[in-house]
Amino acid sequence: MVEDHNQATPFPDIRDGERLSRFIFETSKFSSQNSIVKFRAFLPGHTDPELSVSRTEGLDEPGCWTYGDLEVGAPRNAIPIARADFIRSEVPDPLSVRPDEPPPRHALIEGWGDDKEARKNLAQLLAAASALVIRLAAP
């Protein structure tokens, strides 16, 4: 059964064990051969102080992709081809995660700072802690 992706998350605050996802739209941001997420999938833009992620805890696979299509992909007129799943407790210091709705289930990773090398290192840590989930079939 596909769960309602618009349903509010079960907890208003983001718990340490909560699954978060970063939807990926470009093949250059992951390696299907090595089954890894590349750090660029987590690297915010040069001037962006935060990074958008989704609170996918409680969604089954079809519900997760429906959410990605409607809430993440549609505003940019794109379809996610993969995602990086990770647990809140794997977000390294000094980064923090906070809810940022709307849309439903949206959150932001904050605390990136201005140092380019430090931002890259944090993105590498997040990528290493993530599980790559490749979309098996186009919608």
N, C-alpha and C. Protein backbone atom coordinates (compact mmCIF):
# COMPACT_ATOMS: atom_id res chain seq x y z
N MET A 1 0.84 -1.17 0.00
CA MET A 1 0.00 0.00 0.00
C MET A 1 0.89 1.24 0.00
N VAL A 2 0.57 2.19 -0.87
CA VAL A 2 1.31 3.44 -0.93
C VAL A 2 0.79 4.36 0.16
N GLU A 3 1.70 4.85 0.97
CA GLU A 3 1.30 5.75 2.04
C GLU A 3 1.17 7.16 1.50
N ASP A 4 0.33 7.96 2.13
CA ASP A 4 0.09 9.33 1.70
C ASP A 4 1.31 10.19 1.97
N HIS A 5 1.96 10.65 0.92
CA HIS A 5 3.17 11.45 1.09
C HIS A 5 2.89 12.82 1.67
N ASN A 6 1.64 13.27 1.59
CA ASN A 6 1.29 14.58 2.15
C ASN A 6 1.00 14.51 3.64
N GLN A 7 0.89 13.30 4.15
CA GLN A 7 0.64 13.11 5.57
C GLN A 7 1.75 13.78 6.38
N ALA A 8 1.35 14.43 7.44
CA ALA A 8 2.35 15.06 8.30
C ALA A 8 3.28 14.00 8.86
N THR A 9 4.52 14.38 9.08
CA THR A 9 5.45 13.44 9.69
C THR A 9 4.96 13.11 11.09
N PRO A 10 5.25 11.91 11.57
CA PRO A 10 4.72 11.50 12.86
C PRO A 10 5.27 12.31 14.04
N PHE A 11 6.42 12.95 13.87
CA PHE A 11 7.02 13.72 14.96
C PHE A 11 7.37 15.11 14.44
N PRO A 12 6.99 16.16 15.18
CA PRO A 12 7.32 17.50 14.70
C PRO A 12 8.82 17.78 14.69
N ASP A 13 9.54 17.25 15.68
CA ASP A 13 10.98 17.43 15.72
C ASP A 13 11.66 16.25 15.04
N ILE A 14 12.83 16.48 14.50
CA ILE A 14 13.55 15.42 13.82
C ILE A 14 14.33 14.61 14.85
N ARG A 15 14.00 13.32 14.92
CA ARG A 15 14.62 12.43 15.89
C ARG A 15 15.95 11.91 15.36
N ASP A 16 16.85 11.51 16.25
CA ASP A 16 18.16 10.99 15.86
C ASP A 16 18.08 9.80 14.92
N GLY A 17 17.12 8.90 15.12
CA GLY A 17 17.01 7.70 14.30
C GLY A 17 16.15 7.87 13.06
N GLU A 18 15.69 9.08 12.79
CA GLU A 18 14.80 9.32 11.66
C GLU A 18 15.53 9.24 10.32
N ARG A 19 14.89 8.56 9.34
CA ARG A 19 15.47 8.48 8.00
C ARG A 19 15.18 9.78 7.25
N LEU A 20 16.24 10.31 6.65
CA LEU A 20 16.16 11.49 5.79
C LEU A 20 16.65 11.07 4.41
N SER A 21 16.24 11.80 3.38
CA SER A 21 16.65 11.48 2.02
C SER A 21 17.00 12.74 1.26
N ARG A 22 18.00 12.62 0.44
CA ARG A 22 18.39 13.67 -0.50
C ARG A 22 18.11 13.09 -1.89
N PHE A 23 17.12 13.65 -2.59
CA PHE A 23 16.78 13.16 -3.92
C PHE A 23 17.82 13.65 -4.92
N ILE A 24 18.17 12.77 -5.85
CA ILE A 24 19.25 13.03 -6.81
C ILE A 24 18.68 13.01 -8.22
N PHE A 25 19.08 14.00 -9.02
CA PHE A 25 18.55 14.17 -10.37
C PHE A 25 19.60 13.99 -11.46
N GLU A 26 20.86 13.83 -11.08
CA GLU A 26 21.94 13.74 -12.07
C GLU A 26 22.80 12.51 -11.79
N THR A 27 23.12 11.78 -12.86
CA THR A 27 23.93 10.57 -12.71
C THR A 27 25.35 10.88 -12.23
N SER A 28 25.80 12.11 -12.41
CA SER A 28 27.14 12.48 -11.97
C SER A 28 27.27 12.56 -10.44
N LYS A 29 26.14 12.47 -9.73
CA LYS A 29 26.16 12.60 -8.28
C LYS A 29 26.10 11.26 -7.54
N PHE A 30 26.20 10.17 -8.31
CA PHE A 30 26.27 8.84 -7.69
C PHE A 30 26.95 7.89 -8.66
N SER A 31 27.39 6.76 -8.12
CA SER A 31 27.98 5.71 -8.94
C SER A 31 27.17 4.44 -8.76
N SER A 32 26.45 4.04 -9.81
CA SER A 32 25.68 2.80 -9.71
C SER A 32 26.63 1.60 -9.69
N GLN A 33 27.75 1.70 -10.38
CA GLN A 33 28.71 0.60 -10.43
C GLN A 33 29.29 0.32 -9.05
N ASN A 34 29.62 1.37 -8.32
CA ASN A 34 30.20 1.22 -6.97
C ASN A 34 29.15 1.32 -5.87
N SER A 35 27.91 1.61 -6.26
CA SER A 35 26.80 1.75 -5.33
C SER A 35 27.10 2.77 -4.22
N ILE A 36 27.57 3.95 -4.64
CA ILE A 36 27.88 5.00 -3.68
C ILE A 36 27.27 6.33 -4.11
N VAL A 37 27.04 7.17 -3.11
CA VAL A 37 26.62 8.54 -3.33
C VAL A 37 27.89 9.38 -3.35
N LYS A 38 28.01 10.26 -4.34
CA LYS A 38 29.17 11.15 -4.40
C LYS A 38 28.91 12.39 -3.56
N PHE A 39 29.97 12.99 -3.06
CA PHE A 39 29.82 14.11 -2.13
C PHE A 39 29.07 15.28 -2.75
N ARG A 40 29.16 15.44 -4.07
CA ARG A 40 28.48 16.57 -4.73
C ARG A 40 26.96 16.52 -4.56
N ALA A 41 26.42 15.35 -4.27
CA ALA A 41 24.99 15.24 -4.02
C ALA A 41 24.59 16.00 -2.75
N PHE A 42 25.54 16.20 -1.85
CA PHE A 42 25.28 16.89 -0.59
C PHE A 42 25.91 18.27 -0.50
N LEU A 43 26.57 18.70 -1.52
CA LEU A 43 27.27 19.98 -1.46
C LEU A 43 26.29 21.12 -1.79
N PRO A 44 26.05 22.01 -0.82
CA PRO A 44 25.17 23.15 -1.14
C PRO A 44 25.87 24.10 -2.10
N GLY A 45 25.08 24.92 -2.77
CA GLY A 45 25.66 25.93 -3.66
C GLY A 45 26.62 26.83 -2.91
N HIS A 46 27.49 27.50 -3.63
CA HIS A 46 28.54 28.34 -3.02
C HIS A 46 27.99 29.35 -2.02
N THR A 47 26.83 29.90 -2.29
CA THR A 47 26.28 30.92 -1.41
C THR A 47 25.12 30.41 -0.56
N ASP A 48 24.77 29.13 -0.71
CA ASP A 48 23.64 28.58 0.04
C ASP A 48 24.07 28.21 1.47
N PRO A 49 23.35 28.74 2.46
CA PRO A 49 23.68 28.42 3.85
C PRO A 49 23.04 27.12 4.34
N GLU A 50 22.23 26.48 3.48
CA GLU A 50 21.51 25.28 3.90
C GLU A 50 21.30 24.35 2.70
N LEU A 51 20.93 23.11 3.01
CA LEU A 51 20.72 22.09 2.00
C LEU A 51 19.37 21.43 2.25
N SER A 52 18.58 21.30 1.20
CA SER A 52 17.25 20.74 1.29
C SER A 52 17.29 19.21 1.32
N VAL A 53 16.54 18.62 2.26
CA VAL A 53 16.39 17.17 2.36
C VAL A 53 14.92 16.87 2.66
N SER A 54 14.60 15.59 2.62
CA SER A 54 13.21 15.17 2.85
C SER A 54 13.15 14.19 4.01
N ARG A 55 12.09 14.29 4.77
CA ARG A 55 11.86 13.40 5.91
C ARG A 55 11.03 12.21 5.42
N THR A 56 11.70 11.16 5.00
CA THR A 56 11.02 10.03 4.38
C THR A 56 10.69 8.90 5.34
N GLU A 57 10.96 9.09 6.61
CA GLU A 57 10.62 8.09 7.63
C GLU A 57 9.13 7.77 7.53
N GLY A 58 8.80 6.48 7.51
CA GLY A 58 7.40 6.07 7.48
C GLY A 58 6.82 5.91 6.09
N LEU A 59 7.55 6.31 5.06
CA LEU A 59 7.07 6.11 3.69
C LEU A 59 7.63 4.80 3.15
N ASP A 60 6.78 4.02 2.47
CA ASP A 60 7.28 2.83 1.80
C ASP A 60 7.95 3.27 0.49
N GLU A 61 8.55 2.32 -0.24
CA GLU A 61 9.29 2.69 -1.46
C GLU A 61 8.43 3.44 -2.47
N PRO A 62 7.24 2.93 -2.84
CA PRO A 62 6.43 3.69 -3.80
C PRO A 62 6.05 5.08 -3.27
N GLY A 63 5.75 5.16 -1.99
CA GLY A 63 5.39 6.45 -1.40
C GLY A 63 6.56 7.42 -1.40
N CYS A 64 7.75 6.90 -1.18
CA CYS A 64 8.95 7.73 -1.19
C CYS A 64 9.17 8.33 -2.57
N TRP A 65 9.04 7.51 -3.61
CA TRP A 65 9.25 8.03 -4.97
C TRP A 65 8.12 8.96 -5.39
N THR A 66 6.89 8.69 -4.95
CA THR A 66 5.78 9.60 -5.25
C THR A 66 6.05 10.96 -4.63
N TYR A 67 6.49 10.95 -3.37
CA TYR A 67 6.85 12.20 -2.71
C TYR A 67 7.95 12.92 -3.49
N GLY A 68 9.00 12.18 -3.86
CA GLY A 68 10.10 12.79 -4.62
C GLY A 68 9.65 13.39 -5.93
N ASP A 69 8.74 12.70 -6.61
CA ASP A 69 8.23 13.21 -7.89
C ASP A 69 7.42 14.49 -7.70
N LEU A 70 6.48 14.45 -6.76
CA LEU A 70 5.53 15.56 -6.61
C LEU A 70 6.08 16.76 -5.85
N GLU A 71 6.79 16.51 -4.77
CA GLU A 71 7.22 17.62 -3.91
C GLU A 71 8.63 18.12 -4.18
N VAL A 72 9.49 17.25 -4.72
CA VAL A 72 10.87 17.65 -4.96
C VAL A 72 11.13 17.85 -6.46
N GLY A 73 10.67 16.92 -7.28
CA GLY A 73 10.93 16.98 -8.71
C GLY A 73 10.05 17.94 -9.47
N ALA A 74 8.75 17.93 -9.21
CA ALA A 74 7.82 18.76 -9.98
C ALA A 74 8.18 20.26 -9.97
N PRO A 75 8.54 20.84 -8.82
CA PRO A 75 8.89 22.27 -8.84
C PRO A 75 10.09 22.60 -9.74
N ARG A 76 10.95 21.63 -9.98
CA ARG A 76 12.11 21.87 -10.85
C ARG A 76 11.92 21.22 -12.22
N ASN A 77 10.72 20.67 -12.44
CA ASN A 77 10.39 20.03 -13.71
C ASN A 77 11.37 18.90 -14.03
N ALA A 78 11.61 18.05 -13.05
CA ALA A 78 12.55 16.94 -13.20
C ALA A 78 12.04 15.74 -12.41
N ILE A 79 12.58 14.58 -12.75
CA ILE A 79 12.21 13.34 -12.07
C ILE A 79 13.46 12.81 -11.36
N PRO A 80 13.35 12.55 -10.05
CA PRO A 80 14.52 12.00 -9.35
C PRO A 80 14.86 10.61 -9.87
N ILE A 81 16.16 10.36 -10.04
CA ILE A 81 16.60 9.06 -10.56
C ILE A 81 17.25 8.21 -9.46
N ALA A 82 17.53 8.83 -8.34
CA ALA A 82 18.13 8.11 -7.21
C ALA A 82 17.90 8.96 -5.96
N ARG A 83 18.28 8.37 -4.83
CA ARG A 83 18.25 9.16 -3.60
C ARG A 83 19.32 8.63 -2.66
N ALA A 84 19.72 9.50 -1.76
CA ALA A 84 20.68 9.14 -0.72
C ALA A 84 19.91 9.11 0.59
N ASP A 85 19.80 7.94 1.20
CA ASP A 85 19.11 7.79 2.48
C ASP A 85 20.13 7.77 3.60
N PHE A 86 19.83 8.49 4.67
CA PHE A 86 20.71 8.53 5.83
C PHE A 86 19.88 8.79 7.06
N ILE A 87 20.49 8.57 8.20
CA ILE A 87 19.81 8.74 9.49
C ILE A 87 20.27 10.06 10.11
N ARG A 88 19.36 10.73 10.75
CA ARG A 88 19.64 12.04 11.36
C ARG A 88 20.90 12.01 12.22
N SER A 89 21.10 10.95 12.97
CA SER A 89 22.27 10.90 13.86
C SER A 89 23.59 10.83 13.10
N GLU A 90 23.54 10.57 11.78
CA GLU A 90 24.76 10.52 10.96
C GLU A 90 25.15 11.88 10.40
N VAL A 91 24.37 12.90 10.67
CA VAL A 91 24.70 14.25 10.22
C VAL A 91 25.81 14.77 11.12
N PRO A 92 26.98 15.09 10.53
CA PRO A 92 28.13 15.47 11.37
C PRO A 92 28.01 16.88 11.94
N ASP A 93 28.64 17.07 13.10
CA ASP A 93 28.77 18.42 13.66
C ASP A 93 29.68 19.23 12.76
N PRO A 94 29.47 20.48 12.56
CA PRO A 94 28.55 21.37 13.24
C PRO A 94 27.19 21.50 12.55
N LEU A 95 26.86 20.59 11.64
CA LEU A 95 25.60 20.67 10.92
C LEU A 95 24.44 20.31 11.83
N SER A 96 23.28 20.87 11.54
CA SER A 96 22.05 20.53 12.24
C SER A 96 20.93 20.42 11.21
N VAL A 97 19.87 19.74 11.60
CA VAL A 97 18.73 19.53 10.71
C VAL A 97 17.49 20.08 11.39
N ARG A 98 16.70 20.83 10.62
CA ARG A 98 15.46 21.37 11.19
C ARG A 98 14.32 21.22 10.19
N PRO A 99 13.10 20.98 10.69
CA PRO A 99 11.94 20.93 9.81
C PRO A 99 11.77 22.27 9.10
N ASP A 100 11.28 22.24 7.87
CA ASP A 100 11.06 23.47 7.10
C ASP A 100 9.89 23.25 6.14
N GLU A 101 8.71 23.12 6.69
CA GLU A 101 7.52 22.94 5.87
C GLU A 101 6.89 24.29 5.60
N PRO A 102 6.23 24.48 4.45
CA PRO A 102 5.97 23.52 3.39
C PRO A 102 7.16 23.38 2.46
N PRO A 103 7.12 22.34 1.59
CA PRO A 103 6.11 21.30 1.49
C PRO A 103 6.18 20.34 2.67
N PRO A 104 5.18 19.48 2.78
CA PRO A 104 5.20 18.50 3.86
C PRO A 104 6.49 17.69 3.81
N ARG A 105 7.02 17.34 4.96
CA ARG A 105 8.20 16.48 5.09
C ARG A 105 9.50 17.14 4.66
N HIS A 106 9.51 18.43 4.42
CA HIS A 106 10.74 19.12 4.00
C HIS A 106 11.56 19.50 5.23
N ALA A 107 12.88 19.43 5.09
CA ALA A 107 13.79 19.84 6.17
C ALA A 107 15.03 20.46 5.54
N LEU A 108 15.79 21.15 6.38
CA LEU A 108 17.02 21.80 5.93
C LEU A 108 18.19 21.36 6.80
N ILE A 109 19.32 21.13 6.16
CA ILE A 109 20.57 20.91 6.88
C ILE A 109 21.29 22.25 6.89
N GLU A 110 21.59 22.74 8.09
CA GLU A 110 22.19 24.06 8.26
C GLU A 110 23.55 23.95 8.94
N GLY A 111 24.30 25.07 8.89
CA GLY A 111 25.57 25.16 9.61
C GLY A 111 26.78 24.88 8.75
N TRP A 112 26.68 25.07 7.45
CA TRP A 112 27.76 24.74 6.52
C TRP A 112 28.95 25.68 6.62
N GLY A 113 28.74 26.88 7.05
CA GLY A 113 29.84 27.85 7.11
C GLY A 113 30.27 28.30 5.72
N ASP A 114 31.31 29.10 5.67
CA ASP A 114 31.76 29.69 4.41
C ASP A 114 33.00 29.05 3.81
N ASP A 115 33.72 28.27 4.61
CA ASP A 115 34.96 27.67 4.13
C ASP A 115 34.68 26.56 3.13
N LYS A 116 35.17 26.73 1.92
CA LYS A 116 34.90 25.79 0.82
C LYS A 116 35.38 24.37 1.15
N GLU A 117 36.57 24.24 1.69
CA GLU A 117 37.11 22.92 2.01
C GLU A 117 36.34 22.25 3.14
N ALA A 118 35.94 23.02 4.13
CA ALA A 118 35.15 22.47 5.24
C ALA A 118 33.79 21.99 4.74
N ARG A 119 33.18 22.73 3.84
CA ARG A 119 31.89 22.33 3.27
C ARG A 119 32.05 21.01 2.50
N LYS A 120 33.12 20.90 1.74
CA LYS A 120 33.38 19.68 0.98
C LYS A 120 33.56 18.49 1.93
N ASN A 121 34.31 18.68 2.99
CA ASN A 121 34.53 17.61 3.97
C ASN A 121 33.22 17.15 4.61
N LEU A 122 32.36 18.10 4.96
CA LEU A 122 31.06 17.74 5.55
C LEU A 122 30.20 16.97 4.54
N ALA A 123 30.22 17.41 3.28
CA ALA A 123 29.47 16.71 2.23
C ALA A 123 30.01 15.30 2.04
N GLN A 124 31.32 15.14 2.13
CA GLN A 124 31.92 13.80 2.01
C GLN A 124 31.48 12.89 3.15
N LEU A 125 31.41 13.42 4.36
CA LEU A 125 30.96 12.63 5.50
C LEU A 125 29.51 12.19 5.33
N LEU A 126 28.67 13.10 4.87
CA LEU A 126 27.26 12.75 4.64
C LEU A 126 27.13 11.70 3.55
N ALA A 127 27.87 11.87 2.47
CA ALA A 127 27.81 10.89 1.37
C ALA A 127 28.26 9.52 1.84
N ALA A 128 29.31 9.47 2.63
CA ALA A 128 29.83 8.19 3.11
C ALA A 128 28.83 7.49 4.05
N ALA A 129 28.04 8.27 4.76
CA ALA A 129 27.06 7.71 5.69
C ALA A 129 25.75 7.34 5.02
N SER A 130 25.61 7.64 3.74
CA SER A 130 24.35 7.44 3.03
C SER A 130 24.30 6.13 2.27
N ALA A 131 23.10 5.64 2.12
CA ALA A 131 22.84 4.47 1.29
C ALA A 131 22.24 4.95 -0.02
N LEU A 132 22.79 4.50 -1.12
CA LEU A 132 22.28 4.86 -2.44
C LEU A 132 21.07 3.99 -2.77
N VAL A 133 19.99 4.64 -3.18
CA VAL A 133 18.80 3.93 -3.65
C VAL A 133 18.52 4.42 -5.05
N ILE A 134 18.72 3.54 -6.03
CA ILE A 134 18.52 3.90 -7.44
C ILE A 134 17.11 3.53 -7.84
N ARG A 135 16.48 4.44 -8.53
CA ARG A 135 15.13 4.18 -9.02
C ARG A 135 15.19 3.09 -10.08
N LEU A 136 14.37 2.07 -9.91
CA LEU A 136 14.43 0.92 -10.81
C LEU A 136 13.64 1.13 -12.09
N ALA A 137 12.56 1.88 -12.03
CA ALA A 137 11.74 2.09 -13.22
C ALA A 137 11.27 3.53 -13.27
N ALA A 138 11.18 4.06 -14.46
CA ALA A 138 10.69 5.42 -14.63
C ALA A 138 9.18 5.44 -14.32
N PRO A 139 8.70 6.56 -13.79
CA PRO A 139 7.26 6.64 -13.45
C PRO A 139 6.41 6.69 -14.70
